[in-house]
Amino acid sequence: MSKLKGTLDTLSKLLIEHDWTYEMSDDHSVWTSGTNQRSLIRALIIKLQEAGMSKKVSNLFYEHYPVNGCHEVKGYGINHSWAEHLDRKAMEFNG
């Protein structure tokens, strides 16, 4: 579990530091860097989901994802929209 905790911490750091609007840059190096970061984030998300941590990953992802003006969530390995995430949170709260 501690290895997965470290991976979750790494994901958190990557999400905090990620340039969510990299695709809007006219600078190709910014676009390339952002694309590489997104690929790394996606790989970590998928690894954690496969380890049964989908709920934690989703919560962490949506803490940082700005929702508008950036790459769609499926490009990060997330399989449900912001609205679906909020619906799930509401059901947990009310459930």
N, C-alpha and C. Protein backbone atom coordinates (compact mmCIF):
# COMPACT_ATOMS: atom_id res chain seq x y z
N MET A 1 0.82 -1.21 0.00
CA MET A 1 0.00 0.00 0.00
C MET A 1 0.86 1.26 0.00
N SER A 2 2.01 1.24 0.67
CA SER A 2 2.84 2.44 0.73
C SER A 2 3.35 2.83 -0.65
N LYS A 3 3.59 1.83 -1.52
CA LYS A 3 4.02 2.15 -2.88
C LYS A 3 2.91 2.88 -3.63
N LEU A 4 1.66 2.43 -3.44
CA LEU A 4 0.53 3.10 -4.07
C LEU A 4 0.32 4.49 -3.49
N LYS A 5 0.56 4.63 -2.19
CA LYS A 5 0.47 5.95 -1.55
C LYS A 5 1.47 6.90 -2.18
N GLY A 6 2.68 6.40 -2.43
CA GLY A 6 3.70 7.22 -3.09
C GLY A 6 3.28 7.59 -4.50
N THR A 7 2.65 6.66 -5.19
CA THR A 7 2.17 6.94 -6.54
C THR A 7 1.04 7.95 -6.50
N LEU A 8 0.17 7.86 -5.51
CA LEU A 8 -0.91 8.83 -5.34
C LEU A 8 -0.33 10.22 -5.03
N ASP A 9 0.69 10.26 -4.21
CA ASP A 9 1.36 11.54 -3.92
C ASP A 9 2.01 12.12 -5.17
N THR A 10 2.62 11.25 -5.97
CA THR A 10 3.23 11.70 -7.23
C THR A 10 2.16 12.26 -8.16
N LEU A 11 1.04 11.57 -8.25
CA LEU A 11 -0.07 12.06 -9.09
C LEU A 11 -0.54 13.42 -8.61
N SER A 12 -0.68 13.58 -7.32
CA SER A 12 -1.12 14.86 -6.75
C SER A 12 -0.16 15.98 -7.16
N LYS A 13 1.12 15.72 -7.04
CA LYS A 13 2.14 16.72 -7.40
C LYS A 13 2.04 17.07 -8.89
N LEU A 14 1.89 16.05 -9.73
CA LEU A 14 1.78 16.30 -11.17
C LEU A 14 0.54 17.11 -11.52
N LEU A 15 -0.57 16.81 -10.85
CA LEU A 15 -1.81 17.55 -11.11
C LEU A 15 -1.68 19.01 -10.67
N ILE A 16 -1.02 19.23 -9.56
CA ILE A 16 -0.82 20.60 -9.06
C ILE A 16 0.04 21.41 -10.03
N GLU A 17 1.08 20.78 -10.55
CA GLU A 17 2.05 21.49 -11.40
C GLU A 17 1.67 21.51 -12.88
N HIS A 18 0.66 20.75 -13.28
CA HIS A 18 0.31 20.62 -14.69
C HIS A 18 -0.22 21.94 -15.27
N ASP A 19 0.23 22.25 -16.49
CA ASP A 19 -0.29 23.41 -17.23
C ASP A 19 -1.53 22.95 -17.98
N TRP A 20 -2.69 23.18 -17.40
CA TRP A 20 -3.95 22.67 -17.94
C TRP A 20 -4.31 23.31 -19.28
N THR A 21 -3.73 24.44 -19.59
CA THR A 21 -4.07 25.13 -20.83
C THR A 21 -2.95 25.03 -21.88
N TYR A 22 -2.09 24.04 -21.75
CA TYR A 22 -0.94 23.91 -22.65
C TYR A 22 -1.34 23.85 -24.12
N GLU A 23 -2.50 23.30 -24.41
CA GLU A 23 -2.92 23.15 -25.81
C GLU A 23 -3.22 24.48 -26.48
N MET A 24 -3.39 25.52 -25.72
CA MET A 24 -3.68 26.84 -26.28
C MET A 24 -2.42 27.64 -26.57
N SER A 25 -1.27 27.09 -26.22
CA SER A 25 -0.01 27.81 -26.41
C SER A 25 0.42 27.82 -27.88
N ASP A 26 0.99 28.94 -28.30
CA ASP A 26 1.58 29.04 -29.63
C ASP A 26 3.01 28.50 -29.64
N ASP A 27 3.55 28.26 -28.46
CA ASP A 27 4.92 27.77 -28.32
C ASP A 27 4.90 26.23 -28.36
N HIS A 28 5.51 25.67 -29.39
CA HIS A 28 5.49 24.21 -29.56
C HIS A 28 6.13 23.49 -28.38
N SER A 29 7.14 24.06 -27.77
CA SER A 29 7.79 23.40 -26.63
C SER A 29 6.84 23.31 -25.43
N VAL A 30 5.98 24.30 -25.25
CA VAL A 30 4.98 24.26 -24.18
C VAL A 30 3.97 23.17 -24.47
N TRP A 31 3.53 23.09 -25.72
CA TRP A 31 2.58 22.06 -26.13
C TRP A 31 3.17 20.66 -25.93
N THR A 32 4.42 20.48 -26.34
CA THR A 32 5.09 19.19 -26.21
C THR A 32 5.23 18.80 -24.74
N SER A 33 5.65 19.74 -23.91
CA SER A 33 5.80 19.48 -22.48
C SER A 33 4.46 19.12 -21.85
N GLY A 34 3.42 19.85 -22.19
CA GLY A 34 2.08 19.58 -21.65
C GLY A 34 1.55 18.23 -22.08
N THR A 35 1.80 17.87 -23.34
CA THR A 35 1.38 16.57 -23.85
C THR A 35 2.10 15.45 -23.11
N ASN A 36 3.39 15.62 -22.88
CA ASN A 36 4.17 14.62 -22.15
C ASN A 36 3.67 14.50 -20.70
N GLN A 37 3.37 15.63 -20.08
CA GLN A 37 2.84 15.61 -18.71
C GLN A 37 1.50 14.88 -18.67
N ARG A 38 0.64 15.18 -19.65
CA ARG A 38 -0.67 14.54 -19.70
C ARG A 38 -0.53 13.02 -19.85
N SER A 39 0.42 12.59 -20.66
CA SER A 39 0.66 11.15 -20.84
C SER A 39 1.10 10.49 -19.54
N LEU A 40 1.97 11.16 -18.81
CA LEU A 40 2.44 10.64 -17.52
C LEU A 40 1.29 10.59 -16.51
N ILE A 41 0.50 11.64 -16.46
CA ILE A 41 -0.65 11.69 -15.56
C ILE A 41 -1.61 10.55 -15.90
N ARG A 42 -1.88 10.37 -17.18
CA ARG A 42 -2.79 9.31 -17.64
C ARG A 42 -2.27 7.93 -17.20
N ALA A 43 -0.99 7.68 -17.39
CA ALA A 43 -0.41 6.39 -17.01
C ALA A 43 -0.56 6.14 -15.51
N LEU A 44 -0.32 7.15 -14.70
CA LEU A 44 -0.46 6.99 -13.24
C LEU A 44 -1.92 6.77 -12.85
N ILE A 45 -2.81 7.50 -13.49
CA ILE A 45 -4.25 7.35 -13.20
C ILE A 45 -4.68 5.92 -13.51
N ILE A 46 -4.30 5.41 -14.67
CA ILE A 46 -4.69 4.06 -15.06
C ILE A 46 -4.09 3.03 -14.10
N LYS A 47 -2.84 3.21 -13.72
CA LYS A 47 -2.19 2.29 -12.77
C LYS A 47 -2.94 2.26 -11.44
N LEU A 48 -3.30 3.43 -10.93
CA LEU A 48 -4.02 3.50 -9.67
C LEU A 48 -5.44 2.96 -9.78
N GLN A 49 -6.10 3.21 -10.90
CA GLN A 49 -7.44 2.66 -11.10
C GLN A 49 -7.39 1.13 -11.12
N GLU A 50 -6.40 0.59 -11.79
CA GLU A 50 -6.25 -0.87 -11.85
C GLU A 50 -5.95 -1.47 -10.48
N ALA A 51 -5.40 -0.67 -9.59
CA ALA A 51 -5.11 -1.12 -8.23
C ALA A 51 -6.31 -0.91 -7.30
N GLY A 52 -7.45 -0.52 -7.86
CA GLY A 52 -8.67 -0.36 -7.07
C GLY A 52 -8.83 0.98 -6.39
N MET A 53 -8.12 1.99 -6.88
CA MET A 53 -8.17 3.31 -6.24
C MET A 53 -8.91 4.35 -7.09
N SER A 54 -9.87 3.89 -7.87
CA SER A 54 -10.60 4.78 -8.79
C SER A 54 -11.25 5.97 -8.09
N LYS A 55 -11.87 5.71 -6.96
CA LYS A 55 -12.57 6.77 -6.23
C LYS A 55 -11.59 7.85 -5.75
N LYS A 56 -10.47 7.43 -5.17
CA LYS A 56 -9.47 8.39 -4.70
C LYS A 56 -8.88 9.17 -5.87
N VAL A 57 -8.61 8.46 -6.96
CA VAL A 57 -8.04 9.10 -8.15
C VAL A 57 -9.01 10.14 -8.70
N SER A 58 -10.27 9.77 -8.80
CA SER A 58 -11.28 10.70 -9.32
C SER A 58 -11.39 11.94 -8.45
N ASN A 59 -11.45 11.73 -7.14
CA ASN A 59 -11.53 12.88 -6.22
C ASN A 59 -10.31 13.79 -6.36
N LEU A 60 -9.15 13.19 -6.41
CA LEU A 60 -7.91 13.96 -6.55
C LEU A 60 -7.88 14.70 -7.88
N PHE A 61 -8.22 14.01 -8.95
CA PHE A 61 -8.20 14.63 -10.27
C PHE A 61 -9.11 15.84 -10.32
N TYR A 62 -10.35 15.68 -9.87
CA TYR A 62 -11.31 16.78 -9.95
C TYR A 62 -11.06 17.90 -8.94
N GLU A 63 -10.17 17.69 -7.97
CA GLU A 63 -9.73 18.79 -7.11
C GLU A 63 -8.90 19.80 -7.91
N HIS A 64 -8.25 19.32 -8.97
CA HIS A 64 -7.31 20.16 -9.72
C HIS A 64 -7.75 20.49 -11.14
N TYR A 65 -8.61 19.68 -11.71
CA TYR A 65 -9.04 19.86 -13.09
C TYR A 65 -9.93 21.10 -13.20
N PRO A 66 -9.57 22.07 -14.06
CA PRO A 66 -10.33 23.31 -14.13
C PRO A 66 -11.65 23.22 -14.89
N VAL A 67 -12.02 22.08 -15.40
CA VAL A 67 -13.27 21.79 -16.09
C VAL A 67 -13.38 22.46 -17.46
N ASN A 68 -13.20 23.74 -17.54
CA ASN A 68 -13.34 24.44 -18.82
C ASN A 68 -11.99 24.86 -19.39
N GLY A 69 -11.88 24.82 -20.70
CA GLY A 69 -10.72 25.37 -21.36
C GLY A 69 -9.50 24.48 -21.41
N CYS A 70 -9.69 23.17 -21.25
CA CYS A 70 -8.54 22.29 -21.34
C CYS A 70 -8.95 20.95 -21.93
N HIS A 71 -8.00 20.06 -22.06
CA HIS A 71 -8.20 18.75 -22.67
C HIS A 71 -9.32 17.99 -21.97
N GLU A 72 -10.09 17.23 -22.74
CA GLU A 72 -11.17 16.47 -22.12
C GLU A 72 -10.62 15.41 -21.16
N VAL A 73 -11.42 15.03 -20.20
CA VAL A 73 -10.97 14.15 -19.13
C VAL A 73 -10.55 12.77 -19.61
N LYS A 74 -11.14 12.28 -20.67
CA LYS A 74 -10.78 10.94 -21.17
C LYS A 74 -9.31 10.89 -21.60
N GLY A 75 -8.77 12.02 -22.00
CA GLY A 75 -7.36 12.10 -22.35
C GLY A 75 -6.44 11.94 -21.15
N TYR A 76 -7.02 12.05 -19.96
CA TYR A 76 -6.27 11.84 -18.72
C TYR A 76 -6.56 10.48 -18.10
N GLY A 77 -7.41 9.69 -18.75
CA GLY A 77 -7.74 8.37 -18.23
C GLY A 77 -8.94 8.35 -17.29
N ILE A 78 -9.63 9.47 -17.18
CA ILE A 78 -10.82 9.57 -16.34
C ILE A 78 -12.03 9.21 -17.19
N ASN A 79 -12.89 8.34 -16.67
CA ASN A 79 -13.98 7.80 -17.48
C ASN A 79 -15.35 8.41 -17.22
N HIS A 80 -15.41 9.46 -16.44
CA HIS A 80 -16.70 10.10 -16.18
C HIS A 80 -16.51 11.62 -16.12
N SER A 81 -17.56 12.32 -16.48
CA SER A 81 -17.52 13.79 -16.56
C SER A 81 -17.56 14.42 -15.17
N TRP A 82 -17.31 15.72 -15.16
CA TRP A 82 -17.40 16.50 -13.93
C TRP A 82 -18.81 16.39 -13.34
N ALA A 83 -19.83 16.48 -14.19
CA ALA A 83 -21.22 16.39 -13.72
C ALA A 83 -21.48 15.02 -13.09
N GLU A 84 -20.99 13.96 -13.72
CA GLU A 84 -21.15 12.62 -13.15
C GLU A 84 -20.40 12.49 -11.83
N HIS A 85 -19.24 13.10 -11.75
CA HIS A 85 -18.46 13.09 -10.50
C HIS A 85 -19.26 13.77 -9.39
N LEU A 86 -19.84 14.93 -9.70
CA LEU A 86 -20.62 15.65 -8.69
C LEU A 86 -21.86 14.85 -8.28
N ASP A 87 -22.49 14.17 -9.24
CA ASP A 87 -23.64 13.33 -8.92
C ASP A 87 -23.25 12.22 -7.96
N ARG A 88 -22.09 11.60 -8.20
CA ARG A 88 -21.61 10.54 -7.31
C ARG A 88 -21.33 11.07 -5.91
N LYS A 89 -20.72 12.24 -5.84
CA LYS A 89 -20.45 12.85 -4.54
C LYS A 89 -21.74 13.16 -3.79
N ALA A 90 -22.74 13.66 -4.51
CA ALA A 90 -24.03 13.97 -3.89
C ALA A 90 -24.70 12.71 -3.38
N MET A 91 -24.63 11.62 -4.14
CA MET A 91 -25.23 10.36 -3.72
C MET A 91 -24.54 9.83 -2.47
N GLU A 92 -23.21 9.97 -2.39
CA GLU A 92 -22.48 9.54 -1.20
C GLU A 92 -22.90 10.37 0.01
N PHE A 93 -23.05 11.66 -0.21
CA PHE A 93 -23.40 12.57 0.86
C PHE A 93 -24.82 12.28 1.38
N ASN A 94 -25.71 12.06 0.44
CA ASN A 94 -27.12 11.84 0.81
C ASN A 94 -27.45 10.39 1.11
N GLY A 95 -26.53 9.49 0.74
CA GLY A 95 -26.82 8.09 0.77
C GLY A 95 -26.73 7.36 2.00
